C-alpha atoms as a PDB file:
ATOM      1  CA  MET A   1      -7.394 -12.587   6.873  1.00  0.00           C
ATOM      2  CA  GLN A   2      -9.818 -13.154   4.017  1.00  0.00           C
ATOM      3  CA  PRO A   3     -12.548 -10.597   3.387  1.00  0.00           C
ATOM      4  CA  SER A   4     -15.191 -13.277   3.988  1.00  0.00           C
ATOM      5  CA  SER A   5     -13.899 -13.793   7.529  1.00  0.00           C
ATOM      6  CA  SER A   6     -15.235 -10.353   8.453  1.00  0.00           C
ATOM      7  CA  ARG A   7     -18.537 -12.013   9.432  1.00  0.00           C
ATOM      8  CA  GLN A   8     -16.689 -13.876  12.162  1.00  0.00           C
ATOM      9  CA  GLN A   9     -14.818 -10.906  13.604  1.00  0.00           C
ATOM     10  CA  PRO A  10     -15.666  -9.783  17.123  1.00  0.00           C
ATOM     11  CA  LEU A  11     -17.594  -6.532  17.403  1.00  0.00           C
ATOM     12  CA  GLU A  12     -14.575  -4.503  18.600  1.00  0.00           C
ATOM     13  CA  GLU A  13     -12.501  -5.707  15.670  1.00  0.00           C
ATOM     14  CA  LYS A  14     -15.254  -4.740  13.243  1.00  0.00           C
ATOM     15  CA  LYS A  15     -15.419  -1.272  14.789  1.00  0.00           C
ATOM     16  CA  ARG A  16     -11.650  -0.887  14.504  1.00  0.00           C
ATOM     17  CA  VAL A  17     -11.659  -1.936  10.854  1.00  0.00           C
ATOM     18  CA  ARG A  18     -14.621   0.337  10.090  1.00  0.00           C
ATOM     19  CA  ARG A  19     -12.814   3.264  11.747  1.00  0.00           C
ATOM     20  CA  ASN A  20      -9.663   2.574   9.697  1.00  0.00           C
ATOM     21  CA  TRP A  21     -11.617   2.407   6.440  1.00  0.00           C
ATOM     22  CA  LYS A  22     -13.389   5.639   7.293  1.00  0.00           C
ATOM     23  CA  GLN A  23     -10.008   7.330   7.811  1.00  0.00           C
ATOM     24  CA  VAL A  24      -8.693   5.949   4.514  1.00  0.00           C
ATOM     25  CA  TRP A  25     -11.699   7.075   2.469  1.00  0.00           C
ATOM     26  CA  GLN A  26     -11.740  10.492   4.160  1.00  0.00           C
ATOM     27  CA  SER A  27      -7.994  11.012   3.816  1.00  0.00           C
ATOM     28  CA  GLN A  28      -6.326  13.546   1.559  1.00  0.00           C
ATOM     29  CA  LEU A  29      -5.263  10.784  -0.825  1.00  0.00           C
ATOM     30  CA  PRO A  30      -6.328  10.634  -4.463  1.00  0.00           C
ATOM     31  CA  PRO A  31      -9.202   8.159  -4.937  1.00  0.00           C
ATOM     32  CA  LYS A  32      -6.960   5.859  -7.003  1.00  0.00           C
ATOM     33  CA  ILE A  33      -4.737   5.320  -3.957  1.00  0.00           C
ATOM     34  CA  CYS A  34      -7.717   4.612  -1.693  1.00  0.00           C
ATOM     35  CA  THR A  35      -8.979   2.137  -4.281  1.00  0.00           C
ATOM     36  CA  PHE A  36      -5.538   0.515  -4.423  1.00  0.00           C
ATOM     37  CA  VAL A  37      -5.565   0.098  -0.627  1.00  0.00           C
ATOM     38  CA  TRP A  38      -9.025  -1.466  -0.760  1.00  0.00           C
ATOM     39  CA  ARG A  39      -7.944  -3.861  -3.513  1.00  0.00           C
ATOM     40  CA  ALA A  40      -4.756  -4.746  -1.627  1.00  0.00           C
ATOM     41  CA  CYS A  41      -6.692  -5.518   1.547  1.00  0.00           C
ATOM     42  CA  HIS A  42      -9.107  -7.715  -0.382  1.00  0.00           C
ATOM     43  CA  GLU A  43      -6.342  -9.563  -2.261  1.00  0.00           C
ATOM     44  CA  ALA A  44      -7.714  -8.221  -5.529  1.00  0.00           C
ATOM     45  CA  LEU A  45      -4.454  -7.106  -7.154  1.00  0.00           C
ATOM     46  CA  PRO A  46      -2.973  -9.232  -9.953  1.00  0.00           C
ATOM     47  CA  THR A  47       0.310 -10.267  -8.358  1.00  0.00           C
ATOM     48  CA  LEU A  48       2.144 -13.164  -9.944  1.00  0.00           C
ATOM     49  CA  GLU A  49       1.276 -15.214  -6.863  1.00  0.00           C
ATOM     50  CA  GLN A  50      -2.434 -14.603  -7.517  1.00  0.00           C
ATOM     51  CA  LEU A  51      -2.044 -15.307 -11.232  1.00  0.00           C
ATOM     52  CA  ALA A  52      -0.059 -18.503 -10.560  1.00  0.00           C
ATOM     53  CA  ARG A  53      -2.906 -19.794  -8.391  1.00  0.00           C
ATOM     54  CA  ARG A  54      -5.178 -19.546 -11.430  1.00  0.00           C
ATOM     55  CA  ASN A  55      -2.726 -20.599 -14.135  1.00  0.00           C
ATOM     56  CA  ARG A  56       0.166 -22.997 -13.645  1.00  0.00           C
ATOM     57  CA  ASP A  57       2.092 -21.586 -16.611  1.00  0.00           C
ATOM     58  CA  VAL A  58       2.931 -18.318 -14.846  1.00  0.00           C
ATOM     59  CA  LEU A  59       6.480 -17.982 -13.569  1.00  0.00           C
ATOM     60  CA  ASN A  60       6.073 -16.528 -10.086  1.00  0.00           C
ATOM     61  CA  GLU A  61       9.271 -14.541  -9.722  1.00  0.00           C
ATOM     62  CA  CYS A  62       9.546 -10.950  -8.567  1.00  0.00           C
ATOM     63  CA  PRO A  63      10.213  -8.858 -11.681  1.00  0.00           C
ATOM     64  CA  ILE A  64      12.160  -6.339  -9.594  1.00  0.00           C
ATOM     65  CA  CYS A  65      14.630  -8.450  -7.606  1.00  0.00           C
ATOM     66  CA  GLY A  66      14.231 -11.803  -9.404  1.00  0.00           C
ATOM     67  CA  VAL A  67      14.945 -13.612  -6.146  1.00  0.00           C
ATOM     68  CA  SER A  68      11.633 -14.367  -4.468  1.00  0.00           C
ATOM     69  CA  GLU A  69       8.120 -15.243  -5.448  1.00  0.00           C
ATOM     70  CA  GLU A  70       6.022 -12.167  -6.095  1.00  0.00           C
ATOM     71  CA  SER A  71       3.349 -11.756  -3.459  1.00  0.00           C
ATOM     72  CA  LEU A  72       1.843  -8.463  -2.395  1.00  0.00           C
ATOM     73  CA  GLN A  73       3.706  -8.742   0.906  1.00  0.00           C
ATOM     74  CA  HIS A  74       6.943  -9.168  -1.051  1.00  0.00           C
ATOM     75  CA  ILE A  75       6.220  -6.140  -3.281  1.00  0.00           C
ATOM     76  CA  LEU A  76       5.317  -3.878  -0.347  1.00  0.00           C
ATOM     77  CA  LEU A  77       7.785  -5.000   2.308  1.00  0.00           C
ATOM     78  CA  ARG A  78      10.120  -7.927   1.681  1.00  0.00           C
ATOM     79  CA  CYS A  79      11.638  -7.028  -1.685  1.00  0.00           C
ATOM     80  CA  PRO A  80      15.043  -5.341  -1.251  1.00  0.00           C
ATOM     81  CA  PHE A  81      13.758  -2.518  -3.473  1.00  0.00           C
ATOM     82  CA  ALA A  82      10.762  -1.957  -1.151  1.00  0.00           C
ATOM     83  CA  ARG A  83      13.061  -1.889   1.864  1.00  0.00           C
ATOM     84  CA  GLN A  84      15.129   0.842   0.206  1.00  0.00           C
ATOM     85  CA  VAL A  85      11.976   2.863  -0.458  1.00  0.00           C
ATOM     86  CA  TRP A  86      10.862   2.577   3.174  1.00  0.00           C
ATOM     87  CA  VAL A  87      14.295   3.600   4.484  1.00  0.00           C
ATOM     88  CA  LEU A  88      14.339   6.655   2.188  1.00  0.00           C
ATOM     89  CA  SER A  89      10.775   7.576   3.146  1.00  0.00           C
ATOM     90  CA  ASN A  90      11.759   8.729   6.637  1.00  0.00           C
ATOM     91  CA  LEU A  91       8.820   6.809   8.068  1.00  0.00           C
ATOM     92  CA  PRO A  92       9.740   4.865  11.225  1.00  0.00           C
ATOM     93  CA  TRP A  93      11.313   1.623   9.981  1.00  0.00           C
ATOM     94  CA  GLY A  94      10.572  -0.131  13.283  1.00  0.00           C
ATOM     95  CA  ILE A  95       6.868   0.287  12.580  1.00  0.00           C
ATOM     96  CA  ILE A  96       7.045  -0.431   8.835  1.00  0.00           C
ATOM     97  CA  ALA A  97       9.040  -3.625   9.407  1.00  0.00           C
ATOM     98  CA  THR A  98       6.312  -5.146  11.605  1.00  0.00           C
ATOM     99  CA  LYS A  99       5.939  -8.782  10.593  1.00  0.00           C
ATOM    100  CA  MET A 100       2.414 -10.036  10.032  1.00  0.00           C
ATOM    101  CA  ASP A 101       0.910 -13.067   8.340  1.00  0.00           C
ATOM    102  CA  SER A 102      -1.188 -11.115   5.863  1.00  0.00           C
ATOM    103  CA  VAL A 103      -0.981  -7.841   3.984  1.00  0.00           C
ATOM    104  CA  LEU A 104      -4.314  -6.811   5.465  1.00  0.00           C
ATOM    105  CA  ASP A 105      -3.051  -7.271   9.027  1.00  0.00           C
ATOM    106  CA  TRP A 106       0.246  -5.533   8.194  1.00  0.00           C
ATOM    107  CA  LEU A 107      -1.461  -2.534   6.607  1.00  0.00           C
ATOM    108  CA  TRP A 108      -3.799  -2.029   9.560  1.00  0.00           C
ATOM    109  CA  VAL A 109      -1.170  -2.555  12.261  1.00  0.00           C
ATOM    110  CA  VAL A 110       1.251  -0.123  10.617  1.00  0.00           C
ATOM    111  CA  TYR A 111      -1.534   2.347   9.765  1.00  0.00           C
ATOM    112  CA  GLU A 112      -2.744   2.432  13.384  1.00  0.00           C
ATOM    113  CA  LYS A 113       0.753   2.956  14.796  1.00  0.00           C
ATOM    114  CA  LEU A 114       1.589   5.932  12.586  1.00  0.00           C
ATOM    115  CA  ASP A 115       0.720   9.492  13.475  1.00  0.00           C
ATOM    116  CA  ARG A 116      -1.952  11.225  11.440  1.00  0.00           C
ATOM    117  CA  GLY A 117       0.514  12.990   9.165  1.00  0.00           C
ATOM    118  CA  SER A 118       2.359   9.782   8.274  1.00  0.00           C
ATOM    119  CA  LYS A 119      -0.693   7.640   7.472  1.00  0.00           C
ATOM    120  CA  ASP A 120      -1.315   9.171   4.042  1.00  0.00           C
ATOM    121  CA  LYS A 121       2.380   9.027   3.194  1.00  0.00           C
ATOM    122  CA  PHE A 122       2.489   5.341   4.151  1.00  0.00           C
ATOM    123  CA  LEU A 123      -0.487   4.413   1.959  1.00  0.00           C
ATOM    124  CA  ALA A 124       0.789   6.572  -0.920  1.00  0.00           C
ATOM    125  CA  LEU A 125       4.170   4.817  -0.783  1.00  0.00           C
ATOM    126  CA  CYS A 126       2.455   1.417  -0.862  1.00  0.00           C
ATOM    127  CA  TRP A 127       0.731   2.595  -4.040  1.00  0.00           C
ATOM    128  CA  GLY A 128       4.048   3.920  -5.392  1.00  0.00           C
ATOM    129  CA  LEU A 129       5.648   0.507  -4.862  1.00  0.00           C
ATOM    130  CA  TRP A 130       2.765  -1.134  -6.712  1.00  0.00           C
ATOM    131  CA  GLN A 131       3.055   1.390  -9.563  1.00  0.00           C
ATOM    132  CA  ASN A 132       6.773   0.684  -9.843  1.00  0.00           C
ATOM    133  CA  ARG A 133       6.053  -3.047  -9.934  1.00  0.00           C
ATOM    134  CA  ASP A 134       3.544  -2.490 -12.745  1.00  0.00           C
ATOM    135  CA  GLN A 135       6.053  -0.442 -14.712  1.00  0.00           C
ATOM    136  CA  VAL A 136       8.692  -3.165 -14.359  1.00  0.00           C
ATOM    137  CA  PHE A 137       6.220  -5.925 -15.202  1.00  0.00           C
ATOM    138  CA  MET A 138       4.588  -4.188 -18.195  1.00  0.00           C
ATOM    139  CA  GLU A 139       7.440  -2.128 -19.635  1.00  0.00           C
ATOM    140  CA  GLY A 140      10.593  -3.657 -18.185  1.00  0.00           C
ATOM    141  CA  LYS A 141      11.549  -0.277 -16.680  1.00  0.00           C
ATOM    142  CA  THR A 142      12.200   0.451 -13.048  1.00  0.00           C
ATOM    143  CA  ALA A 143      12.784   3.689 -11.231  1.00  0.00           C
ATOM    144  CA  THR A 144      15.288   4.063  -8.453  1.00  0.00           C
ATOM    145  CA  SER A 145      13.946   3.836  -4.928  1.00  0.00           C
ATOM    146  CA  LEU A 146      14.601   7.559  -4.480  1.00  0.00           C
ATOM    147  CA  VAL A 147      12.537   8.359  -7.585  1.00  0.00           C
ATOM    148  CA  VAL A 148       9.642   6.261  -6.245  1.00  0.00           C
ATOM    149  CA  VAL A 149       9.724   8.181  -2.956  1.00  0.00           C
ATOM    150  CA  ARG A 150      10.001  11.570  -4.686  1.00  0.00           C
ATOM    151  CA  ASN A 151       7.315  10.870  -7.303  1.00  0.00           C
ATOM    152  CA  THR A 152       4.894   9.538  -4.726  1.00  0.00           C
ATOM    153  CA  SER A 153       5.477  12.553  -2.477  1.00  0.00           C
ATOM    154  CA  TRP A 154       5.086  14.885  -5.454  1.00  0.00           C
ATOM    155  CA  LEU A 155       1.823  13.216  -6.523  1.00  0.00           C
ATOM    156  CA  TYR A 156       0.403  13.528  -3.017  1.00  0.00           C
ATOM    157  CA  GLU A 157       1.481  17.155  -2.565  1.00  0.00           C
ATOM    158  CA  GLU A 158       0.269  18.102  -6.045  1.00  0.00           C
ATOM    159  CA  TYR A 159      -3.106  16.492  -5.400  1.00  0.00           C
ATOM    160  CA  VAL A 160      -3.582  18.203  -2.052  1.00  0.00           C
ATOM    161  CA  THR A 161      -2.507  21.644  -3.282  1.00  0.00           C
ATOM    162  CA  SER A 162      -4.274  21.482  -6.661  1.00  0.00           C
ATOM    163  CA  GLY A 163      -7.682  22.123  -5.156  1.00  0.00           C
ATOM    164  CA  ARG A 164      -9.079  18.830  -6.392  1.00  0.00           C
ATOM    165  CA  MET A 165      -9.913  17.934  -2.833  1.00  0.00           C
ATOM    166  CA  LEU A 166     -13.681  17.701  -3.006  1.00  0.00           C
ATOM    167  CA  ARG A 167     -14.136  15.892   0.282  1.00  0.00           C
ATOM    168  CA  PRO A 168     -15.180  17.877   3.350  1.00  0.00           C
ATOM    169  CA  THR A 169     -12.163  16.590   5.275  1.00  0.00           C
ATOM    170  CA  ALA A 170      -9.863  18.541   2.958  1.00  0.00           C
ATOM    171  CA  ILE A 171     -10.558  21.708   4.935  1.00  0.00           C
ATOM    172  CA  ARG A 172      -9.117  21.290   8.393  1.00  0.00           C
ATOM    173  CA  SER A 173      -8.596  23.880  11.052  1.00  0.00           C
ATOM    174  CA  GLY A 174      -5.051  24.552  12.143  1.00  0.00           C
END
């Protein structure tokens, strides 16, 4: 679903999307993760697939597995490395593995099916997968899937407990 198609969405769909975005922006995630999610949903991340559309000289091959073309859907779900991360995350694989035509649809369907406590973890792990991809692409270094899960969890926990939560939703009653 392209961002421009939002004008054609039925009213209920627009309300659902607005509610999801409100939850994302009011979550306990660092702003850089919320921004990543927004960019992912608007196909504004420089995947090799996106770059190849603009320049024919780009070799569109996943820098992590080297097997498939690198699309955002591949980075976040289809790459064997991503699958390992999701399995280690302890999030429900049956929900994560939902097949959708677009990353936007996949993110929203999975996000809506997860309980409140798992939503932030899901989005943070998507960001962690993207960060790992960037590290492989820019520096030729990759972390293990366990390190991606641990580092992403650590970043989230550190952010929440550091007191940098300036949003009113950071203070929640028991």
